[in-house]
Amino acid sequence: MAFHRRDEKWWLPVPRVPPGGLHNKTRKQLQHKRDCANQILKAAMAINSNTLAEMEVPEPYLDSLPKNGRSTLGDIIYRYITSDQFSPECLLDCLDLSTEYQALEVANRVEASMFPGLTQTSLDMSKIQYNKDVGKSILESYSRVLESLASNIVTHIDNLLNIDELNGHAEHFAATDAEFRNTGLERSEALKNDLEWFRQQGHTIPKPSAPGTTYTSLLEDLSEEDPQAFICHFYNVYFAHTAGGRMIGKKGFREDSKDLEFYKWEGNLSQLLQNVRNKLNQVASSWSREEKDHCLEETEKSFSYSGGLLRHIFT
């Protein structure tokens, strides 16, 4: 889904999310990266602020200051600050802070009268310009660049998560992920038991081969980024095990008359399959026509990868 930026910052990247939104795992990873970047941002800001504070105030800056605060601040601000009933809230109400330029101008005027440590105002820029300490110059410039990069990362991740949140994808992904766990069709534990049995019979258990690792990597990516495509693979893999897979198991994967655990299911298999069908239909009922078509289009790829696994097994 594309979102077109229409504000004044048209050159910035446009946040995009997959058709079905971000997977819950992906959101957690992004949130973790955002938190890490935010910690870097805070550290860089502190380093930059401390470095600037340690720089001496340049003589040219001092010479440029007016001789009294009133001429610097202007009559209105000066009267508010020196009043016996001074209120910061009232002062802010009377100031023109409608633009970034106006706000910076006010900050410069206040700073010129009392030297507060405000970031990148005229005092800071003057310190950077006239500073002769090479070490402080390097530390200030490096921390400033790092601060900018970390801030951009935090902003971009926030924008992406907000777009996903606004479209209700986070809750949808979490619900979808939970629906297809512990369905009774899972085969990993049974496969583990079968491999252990083969090992006990003296067979060497080979390492995962390329067809298997490649398909696994694809499924992991789809589970995080493309739920419609992932569910297509989910359906074809699990339902294939219960149909043609059982026939293959009976004919080609028996040893010493032992039935492999891989082809045994706890409970009524027909009922397990029907339960999963109902969940699939329920999840797909909220999909758009485009998302449903996308799921169907993944079928060819699902058959291709499954076929590659079978060819490798029988080679």
C-alpha atoms as a PDB file:
ATOM      1  CA  MET A   1       0.000   0.000   0.000  1.00  0.00           C
ATOM      2  CA  ALA A   2       1.472   3.358  -1.011  1.00  0.00           C
ATOM      3  CA  PHE A   3       0.958   6.610   0.847  1.00  0.00           C
ATOM      4  CA  HIS A   4       1.749   9.801  -1.035  1.00  0.00           C
ATOM      5  CA  ARG A   5       3.346  12.635   0.909  1.00  0.00           C
ATOM      6  CA  ARG A   6       1.593  15.923   0.237  1.00  0.00           C
ATOM      7  CA  ASP A   7       3.228  18.186   2.812  1.00  0.00           C
ATOM      8  CA  GLU A   8       6.122  20.587   2.338  1.00  0.00           C
ATOM      9  CA  LYS A   9       8.725  17.839   2.913  1.00  0.00           C
ATOM     10  CA  TRP A  10       7.913  16.148  -0.375  1.00  0.00           C
ATOM     11  CA  TRP A  11      11.478  14.883  -0.845  1.00  0.00           C
ATOM     12  CA  LEU A  12      11.400  12.522   2.155  1.00  0.00           C
ATOM     13  CA  PRO A  13      10.787   8.775   1.601  1.00  0.00           C
ATOM     14  CA  VAL A  14       7.136   7.755   1.558  1.00  0.00           C
ATOM     15  CA  PRO A  15       6.245   5.117   4.193  1.00  0.00           C
ATOM     16  CA  ARG A  16       5.030   1.866   2.632  1.00  0.00           C
ATOM     17  CA  VAL A  17       3.777  -1.383   4.144  1.00  0.00           C
ATOM     18  CA  PRO A  18       3.023  -4.753   2.489  1.00  0.00           C
ATOM     19  CA  PRO A  19      -0.557  -5.366   1.288  1.00  0.00           C
ATOM     20  CA  GLY A  20      -1.424  -7.163   4.510  1.00  0.00           C
ATOM     21  CA  GLY A  21       0.585  -4.876   6.774  1.00  0.00           C
ATOM     22  CA  LEU A  22       3.545  -5.646   9.018  1.00  0.00           C
ATOM     23  CA  HIS A  23       3.844  -8.953  10.812  1.00  0.00           C
ATOM     24  CA  ASN A  24       3.844  -8.790  14.596  1.00  0.00           C
ATOM     25  CA  LYS A  25       7.430 -10.092  14.703  1.00  0.00           C
ATOM     26  CA  THR A  26       8.525  -7.415  12.240  1.00  0.00           C
ATOM     27  CA  ARG A  27       6.854  -4.712  14.326  1.00  0.00           C
ATOM     28  CA  LYS A  28       8.708  -5.917  17.423  1.00  0.00           C
ATOM     29  CA  GLN A  29      12.017  -5.892  15.543  1.00  0.00           C
ATOM     30  CA  LEU A  30      11.374  -2.379  14.249  1.00  0.00           C
ATOM     31  CA  GLN A  31      10.381  -1.188  17.713  1.00  0.00           C
ATOM     32  CA  HIS A  32      13.597  -2.655  19.135  1.00  0.00           C
ATOM     33  CA  LYS A  33      15.681  -0.918  16.459  1.00  0.00           C
ATOM     34  CA  ARG A  34      13.788   2.303  17.115  1.00  0.00           C
ATOM     35  CA  ASP A  35      14.528   2.084  20.848  1.00  0.00           C
ATOM     36  CA  CYS A  36      18.224   1.439  20.159  1.00  0.00           C
ATOM     37  CA  ALA A  37      18.412   4.393  17.765  1.00  0.00           C
ATOM     38  CA  ASN A  38      16.661   6.582  20.326  1.00  0.00           C
ATOM     39  CA  GLN A  39      19.275   5.685  22.952  1.00  0.00           C
ATOM     40  CA  ILE A  40      22.006   6.625  20.481  1.00  0.00           C
ATOM     41  CA  LEU A  41      20.153   9.881  19.786  1.00  0.00           C
ATOM     42  CA  LYS A  42      20.020  10.773  23.485  1.00  0.00           C
ATOM     43  CA  ALA A  43      23.707   9.967  23.954  1.00  0.00           C
ATOM     44  CA  ALA A  44      24.737  11.981  20.879  1.00  0.00           C
ATOM     45  CA  MET A  45      22.653  14.966  22.021  1.00  0.00           C
ATOM     46  CA  ALA A  46      24.237  14.855  25.483  1.00  0.00           C
ATOM     47  CA  ILE A  47      27.760  14.616  24.051  1.00  0.00           C
ATOM     48  CA  ASN A  48      27.120  17.486  21.643  1.00  0.00           C
ATOM     49  CA  SER A  49      25.577  19.664  24.341  1.00  0.00           C
ATOM     50  CA  ASN A  50      28.438  19.036  26.784  1.00  0.00           C
ATOM     51  CA  THR A  51      31.060  19.653  24.107  1.00  0.00           C
ATOM     52  CA  LEU A  52      29.498  22.981  23.132  1.00  0.00           C
ATOM     53  CA  ALA A  53      29.182  23.982  26.780  1.00  0.00           C
ATOM     54  CA  GLU A  54      32.923  23.377  27.276  1.00  0.00           C
ATOM     55  CA  MET A  55      33.874  25.622  24.349  1.00  0.00           C
ATOM     56  CA  GLU A  56      34.818  29.169  25.249  1.00  0.00           C
ATOM     57  CA  VAL A  57      32.506  31.988  24.238  1.00  0.00           C
ATOM     58  CA  PRO A  58      34.289  33.739  21.329  1.00  0.00           C
ATOM     59  CA  GLU A  59      35.301  37.374  21.730  1.00  0.00           C
ATOM     60  CA  PRO A  60      33.612  38.362  18.436  1.00  0.00           C
ATOM     61  CA  TYR A  61      30.318  37.058  19.813  1.00  0.00           C
ATOM     62  CA  LEU A  62      30.704  39.040  23.039  1.00  0.00           C
ATOM     63  CA  ASP A  63      31.578  42.164  21.069  1.00  0.00           C
ATOM     64  CA  SER A  64      28.445  41.769  18.962  1.00  0.00           C
ATOM     65  CA  LEU A  65      26.114  41.743  21.977  1.00  0.00           C
ATOM     66  CA  PRO A  66      24.142  44.888  22.838  1.00  0.00           C
ATOM     67  CA  LYS A  67      25.117  46.628  26.032  1.00  0.00           C
ATOM     68  CA  ASN A  68      21.830  45.932  27.804  1.00  0.00           C
ATOM     69  CA  GLY A  69      19.177  43.213  27.738  1.00  0.00           C
ATOM     70  CA  ARG A  70      16.323  45.585  26.927  1.00  0.00           C
ATOM     71  CA  SER A  71      17.693  46.528  23.534  1.00  0.00           C
ATOM     72  CA  THR A  72      18.253  42.853  22.749  1.00  0.00           C
ATOM     73  CA  LEU A  73      14.929  41.465  23.891  1.00  0.00           C
ATOM     74  CA  GLY A  74      12.719  44.321  22.856  1.00  0.00           C
ATOM     75  CA  ASP A  75      10.356  46.269  25.083  1.00  0.00           C
ATOM     76  CA  ILE A  76       7.570  43.659  25.234  1.00  0.00           C
ATOM     77  CA  ILE A  77       9.719  40.668  26.235  1.00  0.00           C
ATOM     78  CA  TYR A  78      11.799  42.805  28.585  1.00  0.00           C
ATOM     79  CA  ARG A  79       8.702  44.062  30.446  1.00  0.00           C
ATOM     80  CA  TYR A  80       7.352  40.520  30.877  1.00  0.00           C
ATOM     81  CA  ILE A  81      10.656  39.131  32.170  1.00  0.00           C
ATOM     82  CA  THR A  82      11.324  41.972  34.631  1.00  0.00           C
ATOM     83  CA  SER A  83       7.749  42.155  35.904  1.00  0.00           C
ATOM     84  CA  ASP A  84       7.103  41.235  39.564  1.00  0.00           C
ATOM     85  CA  GLN A  85       4.297  38.966  38.356  1.00  0.00           C
ATOM     86  CA  PHE A  86       6.326  37.244  35.649  1.00  0.00           C
ATOM     87  CA  SER A  87       4.678  34.139  34.173  1.00  0.00           C
ATOM     88  CA  PRO A  88       6.395  31.969  31.525  1.00  0.00           C
ATOM     89  CA  GLU A  89       2.979  30.957  30.163  1.00  0.00           C
ATOM     90  CA  CYS A  90       1.956  34.573  29.629  1.00  0.00           C
ATOM     91  CA  LEU A  91       5.290  35.303  27.975  1.00  0.00           C
ATOM     92  CA  LEU A  92       4.792  32.458  25.495  1.00  0.00           C
ATOM     93  CA  ASP A  93       1.282  33.690  24.730  1.00  0.00           C
ATOM     94  CA  CYS A  94       2.597  37.069  23.643  1.00  0.00           C
ATOM     95  CA  LEU A  95       5.414  35.726  21.444  1.00  0.00           C
ATOM     96  CA  ASP A  96       5.146  35.004  17.742  1.00  0.00           C
ATOM     97  CA  LEU A  97       6.257  31.358  17.447  1.00  0.00           C
ATOM     98  CA  SER A  98       4.216  30.584  14.353  1.00  0.00           C
ATOM     99  CA  THR A  99       7.236  29.493  12.301  1.00  0.00           C
ATOM    100  CA  GLU A 100      10.551  27.787  12.973  1.00  0.00           C
ATOM    101  CA  TYR A 101      12.352  30.959  11.919  1.00  0.00           C
ATOM    102  CA  GLN A 102      10.410  33.120  14.387  1.00  0.00           C
ATOM    103  CA  ALA A 103      11.009  30.651  17.229  1.00  0.00           C
ATOM    104  CA  LEU A 104      14.763  30.549  16.537  1.00  0.00           C
ATOM    105  CA  GLU A 105      14.882  34.331  16.346  1.00  0.00           C
ATOM    106  CA  VAL A 106      13.271  34.620  19.792  1.00  0.00           C
ATOM    107  CA  ALA A 107      15.693  32.012  21.169  1.00  0.00           C
ATOM    108  CA  ASN A 108      18.653  33.953  19.796  1.00  0.00           C
ATOM    109  CA  ARG A 109      17.434  37.163  21.387  1.00  0.00           C
ATOM    110  CA  VAL A 110      16.893  35.554  24.780  1.00  0.00           C
ATOM    111  CA  GLU A 111      20.231  33.769  24.552  1.00  0.00           C
ATOM    112  CA  ALA A 112      22.041  36.974  23.743  1.00  0.00           C
ATOM    113  CA  SER A 113      20.781  38.444  26.993  1.00  0.00           C
ATOM    114  CA  MET A 114      21.363  35.533  29.389  1.00  0.00           C
ATOM    115  CA  PHE A 115      23.510  32.840  27.618  1.00  0.00           C
ATOM    116  CA  PRO A 116      21.289  29.750  28.021  1.00  0.00           C
ATOM    117  CA  GLY A 117      22.561  26.496  26.512  1.00  0.00           C
ATOM    118  CA  LEU A 118      20.228  26.333  23.529  1.00  0.00           C
ATOM    119  CA  THR A 119      21.189  24.022  20.663  1.00  0.00           C
ATOM    120  CA  GLN A 120      22.423  25.475  17.376  1.00  0.00           C
ATOM    121  CA  THR A 121      21.548  29.076  18.159  1.00  0.00           C
ATOM    122  CA  SER A 122      23.854  31.925  17.215  1.00  0.00           C
ATOM    123  CA  LEU A 123      26.047  31.355  20.296  1.00  0.00           C
ATOM    124  CA  ASP A 124      26.585  27.680  19.419  1.00  0.00           C
ATOM    125  CA  MET A 125      27.330  28.486  15.797  1.00  0.00           C
ATOM    126  CA  SER A 126      29.769  31.155  16.886  1.00  0.00           C
ATOM    127  CA  LYS A 127      31.525  28.684  19.194  1.00  0.00           C
ATOM    128  CA  ILE A 128      31.819  26.162  16.360  1.00  0.00           C
ATOM    129  CA  GLN A 129      33.147  28.805  13.983  1.00  0.00           C
ATOM    130  CA  TYR A 130      35.832  30.228  16.276  1.00  0.00           C
ATOM    131  CA  ASN A 131      36.773  27.117  18.256  1.00  0.00           C
ATOM    132  CA  LYS A 132      40.491  26.253  18.027  1.00  0.00           C
ATOM    133  CA  ASP A 133      40.425  22.990  19.992  1.00  0.00           C
ATOM    134  CA  VAL A 134      40.691  20.285  17.297  1.00  0.00           C
ATOM    135  CA  GLY A 135      39.543  17.514  19.627  1.00  0.00           C
ATOM    136  CA  LYS A 136      36.374  19.360  20.605  1.00  0.00           C
ATOM    137  CA  SER A 137      35.684  20.250  16.978  1.00  0.00           C
ATOM    138  CA  ILE A 138      35.871  16.597  15.938  1.00  0.00           C
ATOM    139  CA  LEU A 139      33.724  15.468  18.872  1.00  0.00           C
ATOM    140  CA  GLU A 140      31.124  18.169  18.233  1.00  0.00           C
ATOM    141  CA  SER A 141      30.837  17.506  14.496  1.00  0.00           C
ATOM    142  CA  TYR A 142      30.786  13.707  14.888  1.00  0.00           C
ATOM    143  CA  SER A 143      28.118  13.808  17.605  1.00  0.00           C
ATOM    144  CA  ARG A 144      26.048  16.265  15.541  1.00  0.00           C
ATOM    145  CA  VAL A 145      26.106  13.964  12.482  1.00  0.00           C
ATOM    146  CA  LEU A 146      25.326  10.930  14.649  1.00  0.00           C
ATOM    147  CA  GLU A 147      22.468  12.836  16.265  1.00  0.00           C
ATOM    148  CA  SER A 148      21.017  13.673  12.854  1.00  0.00           C
ATOM    149  CA  LEU A 149      21.263  10.091  11.585  1.00  0.00           C
ATOM    150  CA  ALA A 150      19.733   8.606  14.740  1.00  0.00           C
ATOM    151  CA  SER A 151      16.928  11.158  14.655  1.00  0.00           C
ATOM    152  CA  ASN A 152      16.134  10.270  11.032  1.00  0.00           C
ATOM    153  CA  ILE A 153      16.035   6.555  11.849  1.00  0.00           C
ATOM    154  CA  VAL A 154      13.674   7.113  14.776  1.00  0.00           C
ATOM    155  CA  THR A 155      11.430   9.347  12.664  1.00  0.00           C
ATOM    156  CA  HIS A 156      11.255   6.947   9.712  1.00  0.00           C
ATOM    157  CA  ILE A 157      10.478   3.934  11.913  1.00  0.00           C
ATOM    158  CA  ASP A 158       7.813   5.909  13.774  1.00  0.00           C
ATOM    159  CA  ASN A 159       6.225   6.910  10.467  1.00  0.00           C
ATOM    160  CA  LEU A 160       6.194   3.312   9.246  1.00  0.00           C
ATOM    161  CA  LEU A 161       4.700   1.955  12.471  1.00  0.00           C
ATOM    162  CA  ASN A 162       2.114   4.734  12.535  1.00  0.00           C
ATOM    163  CA  ILE A 163       1.015   3.981   8.974  1.00  0.00           C
ATOM    164  CA  ASP A 164       0.643   0.309   9.840  1.00  0.00           C
ATOM    165  CA  GLU A 165      -1.230   1.167  13.046  1.00  0.00           C
ATOM    166  CA  LEU A 166      -3.614   3.540  11.277  1.00  0.00           C
ATOM    167  CA  ASN A 167      -4.615   0.786   8.879  1.00  0.00           C
ATOM    168  CA  GLY A 168      -5.253  -1.714  11.665  1.00  0.00           C
ATOM    169  CA  HIS A 169      -2.621  -4.140  10.420  1.00  0.00           C
ATOM    170  CA  ALA A 170      -0.901  -4.790  13.741  1.00  0.00           C
ATOM    171  CA  GLU A 171      -3.928  -6.357  15.394  1.00  0.00           C
ATOM    172  CA  HIS A 172      -4.806  -8.277  12.231  1.00  0.00           C
ATOM    173  CA  PHE A 173      -1.351  -9.819  11.967  1.00  0.00           C
ATOM    174  CA  ALA A 174      -1.241 -10.799  15.626  1.00  0.00           C
ATOM    175  CA  ALA A 175      -4.637 -12.485  15.334  1.00  0.00           C
ATOM    176  CA  THR A 176      -3.650 -14.302  12.131  1.00  0.00           C
ATOM    177  CA  ASP A 177      -0.407 -15.537  13.649  1.00  0.00           C
ATOM    178  CA  ALA A 178      -2.191 -16.909  16.721  1.00  0.00           C
ATOM    179  CA  GLU A 179      -4.895 -18.643  14.661  1.00  0.00           C
ATOM    180  CA  PHE A 180      -2.449 -21.007  12.985  1.00  0.00           C
ATOM    181  CA  ARG A 181      -0.410 -22.170  15.939  1.00  0.00           C
ATOM    182  CA  ASN A 182      -1.080 -25.458  17.722  1.00  0.00           C
ATOM    183  CA  THR A 183      -3.561 -26.639  15.109  1.00  0.00           C
ATOM    184  CA  GLY A 184      -2.675 -30.298  15.619  1.00  0.00           C
ATOM    185  CA  LEU A 185      -1.190 -30.539  12.120  1.00  0.00           C
ATOM    186  CA  GLU A 186       2.339 -29.544  13.196  1.00  0.00           C
ATOM    187  CA  ARG A 187       4.975 -32.139  12.252  1.00  0.00           C
ATOM    188  CA  SER A 188       8.230 -30.846  13.761  1.00  0.00           C
ATOM    189  CA  GLU A 189       8.101 -32.913  16.964  1.00  0.00           C
ATOM    190  CA  ALA A 190       7.117 -36.073  15.088  1.00  0.00           C
ATOM    191  CA  LEU A 191       9.925 -35.522  12.580  1.00  0.00           C
ATOM    192  CA  LYS A 192      12.381 -35.042  15.431  1.00  0.00           C
ATOM    193  CA  ASN A 193      11.331 -38.388  16.933  1.00  0.00           C
ATOM    194  CA  ASP A 194      11.686 -40.174  13.587  1.00  0.00           C
ATOM    195  CA  LEU A 195      15.172 -38.776  13.028  1.00  0.00           C
ATOM    196  CA  GLU A 196      16.202 -39.902  16.489  1.00  0.00           C
ATOM    197  CA  TRP A 197      14.893 -43.408  15.738  1.00  0.00           C
ATOM    198  CA  PHE A 198      16.901 -43.552  12.496  1.00  0.00           C
ATOM    199  CA  ARG A 199      19.988 -42.398  14.378  1.00  0.00           C
ATOM    200  CA  GLN A 200      19.533 -45.191  16.911  1.00  0.00           C
ATOM    201  CA  GLN A 201      19.402 -47.682  14.037  1.00  0.00           C
ATOM    202  CA  GLY A 202      22.886 -46.588  12.985  1.00  0.00           C
ATOM    203  CA  HIS A 203      21.937 -44.172  10.220  1.00  0.00           C
ATOM    204  CA  THR A 204      23.790 -40.884   9.788  1.00  0.00           C
ATOM    205  CA  ILE A 205      21.474 -37.897   9.911  1.00  0.00           C
ATOM    206  CA  PRO A 206      22.494 -35.533   7.082  1.00  0.00           C
ATOM    207  CA  LYS A 207      22.664 -31.795   7.496  1.00  0.00           C
ATOM    208  CA  PRO A 208      19.821 -29.717   6.019  1.00  0.00           C
ATOM    209  CA  SER A 209      20.205 -29.494   2.244  1.00  0.00           C
ATOM    210  CA  ALA A 210      19.834 -26.465  -0.023  1.00  0.00           C
ATOM    211  CA  PRO A 211      16.228 -27.166  -1.148  1.00  0.00           C
ATOM    212  CA  GLY A 212      15.113 -27.331   2.480  1.00  0.00           C
ATOM    213  CA  THR A 213      17.062 -24.350   3.805  1.00  0.00           C
ATOM    214  CA  THR A 214      16.053 -22.193   0.832  1.00  0.00           C
ATOM    215  CA  TYR A 215      12.376 -22.981   1.314  1.00  0.00           C
ATOM    216  CA  THR A 216      12.646 -22.416   5.069  1.00  0.00           C
ATOM    217  CA  SER A 217      14.193 -18.997   4.511  1.00  0.00           C
ATOM    218  CA  LEU A 218      11.403 -18.072   2.103  1.00  0.00           C
ATOM    219  CA  LEU A 219       8.699 -19.156   4.555  1.00  0.00           C
ATOM    220  CA  GLU A 220      10.288 -17.156   7.376  1.00  0.00           C
ATOM    221  CA  ASP A 221      10.324 -14.041   5.207  1.00  0.00           C
ATOM    222  CA  LEU A 222       6.730 -14.546   4.069  1.00  0.00           C
ATOM    223  CA  SER A 223       5.528 -15.113   7.630  1.00  0.00           C
ATOM    224  CA  GLU A 224       6.840 -11.663   8.535  1.00  0.00           C
ATOM    225  CA  GLU A 225       6.015  -9.709   5.393  1.00  0.00           C
ATOM    226  CA  ASP A 226       3.308 -11.393   3.325  1.00  0.00           C
ATOM    227  CA  PRO A 227       0.541 -13.264   5.229  1.00  0.00           C
ATOM    228  CA  GLN A 228      -1.508 -14.080   2.126  1.00  0.00           C
ATOM    229  CA  ALA A 229       1.417 -15.795   0.407  1.00  0.00           C
ATOM    230  CA  PHE A 230       2.438 -17.544   3.628  1.00  0.00           C
ATOM    231  CA  ILE A 231      -1.040 -18.991   4.179  1.00  0.00           C
ATOM    232  CA  CYS A 232      -0.980 -20.397   0.644  1.00  0.00           C
ATOM    233  CA  HIS A 233       2.188 -22.339   1.508  1.00  0.00           C
ATOM    234  CA  PHE A 234       0.757 -23.269   4.914  1.00  0.00           C
ATOM    235  CA  TYR A 235      -2.319 -24.808   3.312  1.00  0.00           C
ATOM    236  CA  ASN A 236      -0.488 -26.674   0.557  1.00  0.00           C
ATOM    237  CA  VAL A 237       2.232 -28.098   2.821  1.00  0.00           C
ATOM    238  CA  TYR A 238       0.088 -29.284   5.712  1.00  0.00           C
ATOM    239  CA  PHE A 239      -2.796 -30.591   3.642  1.00  0.00           C
ATOM    240  CA  ALA A 240      -0.383 -32.367   1.285  1.00  0.00           C
ATOM    241  CA  HIS A 241       1.057 -34.282   4.251  1.00  0.00           C
ATOM    242  CA  THR A 242      -2.406 -35.556   5.147  1.00  0.00           C
ATOM    243  CA  ALA A 243      -3.270 -36.656   1.589  1.00  0.00           C
ATOM    244  CA  GLY A 244      -0.602 -37.814  -0.850  1.00  0.00           C
ATOM    245  CA  GLY A 245       1.995 -37.583   1.886  1.00  0.00           C
ATOM    246  CA  ARG A 246       0.444 -40.459   3.822  1.00  0.00           C
ATOM    247  CA  MET A 247       0.444 -42.639   0.710  1.00  0.00           C
ATOM    248  CA  ILE A 248       4.127 -41.891   0.156  1.00  0.00           C
ATOM    249  CA  GLY A 249       4.850 -42.659   3.788  1.00  0.00           C
ATOM    250  CA  LYS A 250       3.176 -46.051   3.649  1.00  0.00           C
ATOM    251  CA  LYS A 251       4.984 -47.115   0.481  1.00  0.00           C
ATOM    252  CA  GLY A 252       8.406 -45.560   0.657  1.00  0.00           C
ATOM    253  CA  PHE A 253       9.211 -44.597   4.239  1.00  0.00           C
ATOM    254  CA  ARG A 254       8.896 -47.748   6.300  1.00  0.00           C
ATOM    255  CA  GLU A 255      11.703 -49.660   7.918  1.00  0.00           C
ATOM    256  CA  ASP A 256      11.372 -52.937   9.808  1.00  0.00           C
ATOM    257  CA  SER A 257       7.585 -52.553   9.530  1.00  0.00           C
ATOM    258  CA  LYS A 258       7.731 -49.386  11.631  1.00  0.00           C
ATOM    259  CA  ASP A 259       5.260 -46.633  10.811  1.00  0.00           C
ATOM    260  CA  LEU A 260       6.920 -43.256  11.004  1.00  0.00           C
ATOM    261  CA  GLU A 261       5.640 -40.790  13.602  1.00  0.00           C
ATOM    262  CA  PHE A 262       5.560 -38.137  10.892  1.00  0.00           C
ATOM    263  CA  TYR A 263       2.423 -39.729   9.467  1.00  0.00           C
ATOM    264  CA  LYS A 264       0.573 -40.039  12.762  1.00  0.00           C
ATOM    265  CA  TRP A 265      -1.705 -37.346  14.170  1.00  0.00           C
ATOM    266  CA  GLU A 266      -3.186 -37.055  17.629  1.00  0.00           C
ATOM    267  CA  GLY A 267      -6.962 -36.949  17.580  1.00  0.00           C
ATOM    268  CA  ASN A 268      -9.351 -37.149  14.642  1.00  0.00           C
ATOM    269  CA  LEU A 269      -7.425 -36.018  11.555  1.00  0.00           C
ATOM    270  CA  SER A 270     -10.568 -35.164   9.597  1.00  0.00           C
ATOM    271  CA  GLN A 271     -11.727 -32.892  12.404  1.00  0.00           C
ATOM    272  CA  LEU A 272      -8.303 -31.243  12.677  1.00  0.00           C
ATOM    273  CA  LEU A 273      -8.376 -30.495   8.955  1.00  0.00           C
ATOM    274  CA  GLN A 274     -11.889 -29.096   9.146  1.00  0.00           C
ATOM    275  CA  ASN A 275     -10.934 -26.845  12.059  1.00  0.00           C
ATOM    276  CA  VAL A 276      -8.055 -25.418  10.048  1.00  0.00           C
ATOM    277  CA  ARG A 277     -10.282 -24.947   6.987  1.00  0.00           C
ATOM    278  CA  ASN A 278     -12.716 -22.960   9.106  1.00  0.00           C
ATOM    279  CA  LYS A 279      -9.905 -20.749  10.405  1.00  0.00           C
ATOM    280  CA  LEU A 280      -8.566 -20.213   6.889  1.00  0.00           C
ATOM    281  CA  ASN A 281     -11.999 -19.180   5.640  1.00  0.00           C
ATOM    282  CA  GLN A 282     -12.495 -16.876   8.611  1.00  0.00           C
ATOM    283  CA  VAL A 283      -9.176 -15.094   8.089  1.00  0.00           C
ATOM    284  CA  ALA A 284      -9.628 -14.823   4.323  1.00  0.00           C
ATOM    285  CA  SER A 285     -13.118 -13.352   4.728  1.00  0.00           C
ATOM    286  CA  SER A 286     -11.549 -10.018   5.711  1.00  0.00           C
ATOM    287  CA  TRP A 287      -9.201  -9.942   2.708  1.00  0.00           C
ATOM    288  CA  SER A 288      -9.746  -7.773  -0.320  1.00  0.00           C
ATOM    289  CA  ARG A 289     -10.155  -9.315  -3.770  1.00  0.00           C
ATOM    290  CA  GLU A 290      -6.579  -8.305  -4.531  1.00  0.00           C
ATOM    291  CA  GLU A 291      -5.273 -10.088  -1.421  1.00  0.00           C
ATOM    292  CA  LYS A 292      -7.223 -13.248  -2.229  1.00  0.00           C
ATOM    293  CA  ASP A 293      -5.851 -13.286  -5.772  1.00  0.00           C
ATOM    294  CA  HIS A 294      -2.358 -12.751  -4.400  1.00  0.00           C
ATOM    295  CA  CYS A 295      -2.780 -15.817  -2.177  1.00  0.00           C
ATOM    296  CA  LEU A 296      -3.904 -17.958  -5.127  1.00  0.00           C
ATOM    297  CA  GLU A 297      -1.047 -16.744  -7.316  1.00  0.00           C
ATOM    298  CA  GLU A 298       1.436 -18.103  -4.772  1.00  0.00           C
ATOM    299  CA  THR A 299       0.234 -21.676  -5.429  1.00  0.00           C
ATOM    300  CA  GLU A 300       2.610 -22.242  -8.339  1.00  0.00           C
ATOM    301  CA  LYS A 301       5.589 -21.238  -6.222  1.00  0.00           C
ATOM    302  CA  SER A 302       4.390 -23.485  -3.388  1.00  0.00           C
ATOM    303  CA  PHE A 303       4.211 -26.506  -5.713  1.00  0.00           C
ATOM    304  CA  SER A 304       7.620 -25.665  -7.161  1.00  0.00           C
ATOM    305  CA  TYR A 305       9.369 -25.628  -3.785  1.00  0.00           C
ATOM    306  CA  SER A 306       7.560 -28.741  -2.541  1.00  0.00           C
ATOM    307  CA  GLY A 307       8.445 -30.533  -5.770  1.00  0.00           C
ATOM    308  CA  GLY A 308      12.073 -29.572  -5.301  1.00  0.00           C
ATOM    309  CA  LEU A 309      12.056 -31.191  -1.863  1.00  0.00           C
ATOM    310  CA  LEU A 310      10.566 -34.429  -3.212  1.00  0.00           C
ATOM    311  CA  ARG A 311      13.047 -34.597  -6.083  1.00  0.00           C
ATOM    312  CA  HIS A 312      15.898 -34.166  -3.631  1.00  0.00           C
ATOM    313  CA  ILE A 313      14.536 -36.910  -1.346  1.00  0.00           C
ATOM    314  CA  PHE A 314      14.167 -39.451  -4.146  1.00  0.00           C
ATOM    315  CA  THR A 315      17.449 -38.606  -5.863  1.00  0.00           C
END
